[in-house]
Amino acid sequence: ANAPNLASSNNMKARRQLRGHFGKAYAMQWAGSGAAEELVSASQDGKLIIWNANTTLKKQAIPLRSSWVMTCAFEQANNQMVACGGLD
């Protein structure tokens, strides 16, 4: 089955594309208000990547012991920590 084209049905436009994961990205979260241009993503490739969304550059790639990462989050007060959880 073909996936619906959500961009056209909601009049959304892709502004930037983040390239760097080698598997499906399962989760993403924006940093808190002090670092609004940063986000963290988790993928089945076993990595958390912290991105600068404006430049699309990777700030840091964090290899994990398991590829079963299902979620990620930025600590919202100071944007100094990220966390992840999964099926390990």
N, C-alpha and C. Protein backbone atom coordinates (compact mmCIF):
# COMPACT_ATOMS: atom_id res chain seq x y z
N ALA A 1 0.84 -1.19 0.00
CA ALA A 1 0.00 0.00 0.00
C ALA A 1 0.88 1.24 0.00
N ASN A 2 0.46 2.23 -0.72
CA ASN A 2 1.21 3.48 -0.78
C ASN A 2 0.88 4.35 0.42
N ALA A 3 1.90 5.00 0.97
CA ALA A 3 1.69 5.91 2.09
C ALA A 3 1.05 7.18 1.57
N PRO A 4 0.14 7.77 2.34
CA PRO A 4 -0.49 9.01 1.89
C PRO A 4 0.53 10.14 1.84
N ASN A 5 0.36 11.03 0.92
CA ASN A 5 1.25 12.18 0.80
C ASN A 5 0.72 13.29 1.71
N LEU A 6 1.18 13.29 2.96
CA LEU A 6 0.67 14.24 3.94
C LEU A 6 1.05 15.67 3.62
N ALA A 7 2.20 15.86 2.98
CA ALA A 7 2.63 17.23 2.68
C ALA A 7 1.63 17.92 1.76
N SER A 8 1.14 17.23 0.76
CA SER A 8 0.21 17.87 -0.17
C SER A 8 -1.18 18.01 0.43
N SER A 9 -1.60 17.08 1.26
CA SER A 9 -2.95 17.15 1.81
C SER A 9 -3.08 18.21 2.90
N ASN A 10 -1.99 18.60 3.52
CA ASN A 10 -2.04 19.61 4.57
C ASN A 10 -1.36 20.92 4.17
N ASN A 11 -1.01 21.05 2.90
CA ASN A 11 -0.32 22.24 2.41
C ASN A 11 0.98 22.50 3.15
N MET A 12 1.68 21.45 3.55
CA MET A 12 2.97 21.60 4.19
C MET A 12 4.07 21.48 3.15
N LYS A 13 5.19 22.12 3.44
CA LYS A 13 6.33 22.08 2.54
C LYS A 13 7.56 21.69 3.32
N ALA A 14 8.36 20.79 2.77
CA ALA A 14 9.63 20.44 3.41
C ALA A 14 10.58 21.62 3.28
N ARG A 15 11.14 22.06 4.38
CA ARG A 15 12.07 23.19 4.38
C ARG A 15 13.52 22.72 4.35
N ARG A 16 13.80 21.66 5.12
CA ARG A 16 15.14 21.11 5.18
C ARG A 16 15.03 19.60 5.34
N GLN A 17 16.06 18.90 4.91
CA GLN A 17 16.10 17.45 5.06
C GLN A 17 17.37 17.08 5.81
N LEU A 18 17.19 16.35 6.91
CA LEU A 18 18.33 15.93 7.72
C LEU A 18 18.78 14.56 7.25
N ARG A 19 20.02 14.47 6.83
CA ARG A 19 20.56 13.19 6.34
C ARG A 19 21.67 12.74 7.27
N GLY A 20 21.59 11.47 7.71
CA GLY A 20 22.63 10.97 8.58
C GLY A 20 22.33 9.63 9.21
N HIS A 21 21.05 9.30 9.37
CA HIS A 21 20.70 7.99 9.91
C HIS A 21 20.73 6.95 8.79
N PHE A 22 21.08 5.72 9.16
CA PHE A 22 21.11 4.62 8.19
C PHE A 22 19.98 3.64 8.42
N GLY A 23 18.99 4.04 9.15
CA GLY A 23 17.80 3.23 9.40
C GLY A 23 16.62 4.16 9.59
N LYS A 24 15.47 3.57 9.84
CA LYS A 24 14.28 4.38 10.05
C LYS A 24 14.43 5.23 11.31
N ALA A 25 14.03 6.46 11.21
CA ALA A 25 14.02 7.34 12.39
C ALA A 25 12.70 7.11 13.12
N TYR A 26 12.79 6.75 14.40
CA TYR A 26 11.61 6.44 15.18
C TYR A 26 11.09 7.62 15.99
N ALA A 27 11.97 8.54 16.36
CA ALA A 27 11.55 9.63 17.24
C ALA A 27 12.41 10.85 17.03
N MET A 28 11.85 12.02 17.37
CA MET A 28 12.55 13.27 17.26
C MET A 28 11.94 14.22 18.28
N GLN A 29 12.78 15.07 18.89
CA GLN A 29 12.27 16.10 19.78
C GLN A 29 13.12 17.35 19.67
N TRP A 30 12.44 18.49 19.65
CA TRP A 30 13.12 19.78 19.65
C TRP A 30 13.66 20.07 21.03
N ALA A 31 14.76 20.82 21.07
CA ALA A 31 15.32 21.28 22.34
C ALA A 31 14.38 22.33 22.93
N GLY A 32 14.64 22.68 24.18
CA GLY A 32 13.83 23.70 24.85
C GLY A 32 14.11 25.09 24.30
N SER A 33 13.51 26.08 24.90
CA SER A 33 13.54 27.44 24.36
C SER A 33 14.94 28.05 24.29
N GLY A 34 15.89 27.59 25.08
CA GLY A 34 17.24 28.15 25.05
C GLY A 34 18.06 27.75 23.84
N ALA A 35 17.67 26.68 23.16
CA ALA A 35 18.41 26.19 21.99
C ALA A 35 17.41 25.73 20.94
N ALA A 36 16.57 26.64 20.51
CA ALA A 36 15.44 26.29 19.65
C ALA A 36 15.83 25.71 18.30
N GLU A 37 17.09 25.89 17.88
CA GLU A 37 17.48 25.36 16.58
C GLU A 37 17.98 23.92 16.67
N GLU A 38 18.08 23.34 17.87
CA GLU A 38 18.59 21.99 18.03
C GLU A 38 17.46 20.98 18.17
N LEU A 39 17.73 19.77 17.69
CA LEU A 39 16.80 18.66 17.92
C LEU A 39 17.60 17.38 18.04
N VAL A 40 16.97 16.37 18.63
CA VAL A 40 17.59 15.06 18.77
C VAL A 40 16.69 14.05 18.05
N SER A 41 17.33 13.07 17.40
CA SER A 41 16.57 12.02 16.72
C SER A 41 17.12 10.66 17.11
N ALA A 42 16.24 9.67 17.11
CA ALA A 42 16.62 8.28 17.42
C ALA A 42 16.23 7.41 16.22
N SER A 43 17.09 6.44 15.92
CA SER A 43 16.87 5.62 14.75
C SER A 43 17.17 4.16 15.04
N GLN A 44 16.66 3.30 14.16
CA GLN A 44 16.94 1.87 14.30
C GLN A 44 18.37 1.52 13.94
N ASP A 45 19.17 2.51 13.52
CA ASP A 45 20.59 2.25 13.29
C ASP A 45 21.38 2.27 14.59
N GLY A 46 20.71 2.51 15.73
CA GLY A 46 21.39 2.48 17.02
C GLY A 46 22.10 3.77 17.37
N LYS A 47 21.66 4.88 16.82
CA LYS A 47 22.31 6.16 17.11
C LYS A 47 21.28 7.21 17.52
N LEU A 48 21.71 8.06 18.45
CA LEU A 48 21.02 9.32 18.71
C LEU A 48 21.84 10.38 18.00
N ILE A 49 21.20 11.26 17.28
CA ILE A 49 21.93 12.34 16.63
C ILE A 49 21.33 13.67 17.09
N ILE A 50 22.22 14.57 17.50
CA ILE A 50 21.82 15.93 17.84
C ILE A 50 22.14 16.79 16.63
N TRP A 51 21.14 17.52 16.16
CA TRP A 51 21.22 18.28 14.93
C TRP A 51 21.09 19.78 15.17
N ASN A 52 21.69 20.55 14.28
CA ASN A 52 21.35 21.95 14.15
C ASN A 52 20.35 22.00 12.99
N ALA A 53 19.11 22.29 13.28
CA ALA A 53 18.07 22.23 12.26
C ALA A 53 18.20 23.34 11.22
N ASN A 54 18.81 24.45 11.58
CA ASN A 54 18.97 25.54 10.62
C ASN A 54 20.01 25.20 9.55
N THR A 55 21.13 24.63 9.97
CA THR A 55 22.20 24.31 9.02
C THR A 55 22.11 22.88 8.50
N THR A 56 21.30 22.03 9.12
CA THR A 56 21.14 20.59 8.85
C THR A 56 22.41 19.79 9.16
N LEU A 57 23.33 20.36 9.93
CA LEU A 57 24.56 19.66 10.29
C LEU A 57 24.38 18.88 11.59
N LYS A 58 25.06 17.73 11.66
CA LYS A 58 25.07 16.95 12.89
C LYS A 58 26.00 17.62 13.89
N LYS A 59 25.51 17.85 15.09
CA LYS A 59 26.36 18.39 16.15
C LYS A 59 27.05 17.27 16.89
N GLN A 60 26.33 16.16 17.07
CA GLN A 60 26.90 15.02 17.80
C GLN A 60 26.12 13.76 17.43
N ALA A 61 26.84 12.66 17.27
CA ALA A 61 26.22 11.35 17.05
C ALA A 61 26.60 10.47 18.23
N ILE A 62 25.61 9.89 18.87
CA ILE A 62 25.83 9.09 20.07
C ILE A 62 25.51 7.64 19.74
N PRO A 63 26.52 6.77 19.64
CA PRO A 63 26.25 5.35 19.39
C PRO A 63 25.70 4.68 20.64
N LEU A 64 24.74 3.82 20.45
CA LEU A 64 24.10 3.13 21.58
C LEU A 64 24.42 1.65 21.53
N ARG A 65 24.24 0.98 22.64
CA ARG A 65 24.54 -0.46 22.73
C ARG A 65 23.50 -1.31 22.02
N SER A 66 22.33 -0.76 21.81
CA SER A 66 21.24 -1.51 21.20
C SER A 66 20.65 -0.71 20.04
N SER A 67 20.19 -1.40 19.02
CA SER A 67 19.53 -0.72 17.92
C SER A 67 18.02 -0.62 18.15
N TRP A 68 17.54 -1.10 19.28
CA TRP A 68 16.11 -1.09 19.57
C TRP A 68 15.67 0.19 20.28
N VAL A 69 16.15 1.32 19.80
CA VAL A 69 15.80 2.62 20.38
C VAL A 69 14.47 3.07 19.78
N MET A 70 13.51 3.37 20.62
CA MET A 70 12.18 3.71 20.14
C MET A 70 11.78 5.16 20.42
N THR A 71 12.48 5.84 21.32
CA THR A 71 12.11 7.21 21.66
C THR A 71 13.32 7.98 22.15
N CYS A 72 13.21 9.28 22.10
CA CYS A 72 14.29 10.15 22.59
C CYS A 72 13.69 11.45 23.09
N ALA A 73 14.46 12.15 23.92
CA ALA A 73 13.97 13.41 24.47
C ALA A 73 15.14 14.30 24.86
N PHE A 74 14.93 15.59 24.74
CA PHE A 74 15.85 16.61 25.23
C PHE A 74 15.38 17.03 26.61
N GLU A 75 16.29 17.20 27.54
CA GLU A 75 15.99 17.83 28.83
C GLU A 75 15.67 19.28 28.52
N GLN A 76 14.51 19.76 28.93
CA GLN A 76 13.99 21.03 28.44
C GLN A 76 14.44 22.28 29.20
N ALA A 77 14.97 22.15 30.40
CA ALA A 77 15.34 23.33 31.19
C ALA A 77 16.64 23.96 30.70
N ASN A 78 17.70 23.16 30.55
CA ASN A 78 19.02 23.68 30.17
C ASN A 78 19.54 23.11 28.86
N ASN A 79 18.83 22.15 28.28
CA ASN A 79 19.23 21.51 27.02
C ASN A 79 20.63 20.90 27.09
N GLN A 80 20.98 20.33 28.23
CA GLN A 80 22.30 19.75 28.42
C GLN A 80 22.31 18.23 28.36
N MET A 81 21.13 17.60 28.39
CA MET A 81 21.07 16.14 28.40
C MET A 81 20.02 15.64 27.40
N VAL A 82 20.29 14.46 26.86
CA VAL A 82 19.29 13.76 26.06
C VAL A 82 19.08 12.39 26.70
N ALA A 83 17.92 11.83 26.45
CA ALA A 83 17.61 10.50 26.99
C ALA A 83 16.96 9.68 25.87
N CYS A 84 17.05 8.37 26.02
CA CYS A 84 16.39 7.49 25.04
C CYS A 84 15.85 6.27 25.77
N GLY A 85 14.93 5.61 25.12
CA GLY A 85 14.36 4.38 25.67
C GLY A 85 14.02 3.45 24.54
N GLY A 86 13.95 2.17 24.88
CA GLY A 86 13.66 1.21 23.82
C GLY A 86 13.32 -0.16 24.37
N LEU A 87 13.57 -1.16 23.55
CA LEU A 87 13.19 -2.52 23.85
C LEU A 87 14.35 -3.36 24.38
N ASP A 88 15.38 -2.71 24.91
CA ASP A 88 16.52 -3.47 25.43
C ASP A 88 16.17 -3.87 26.81
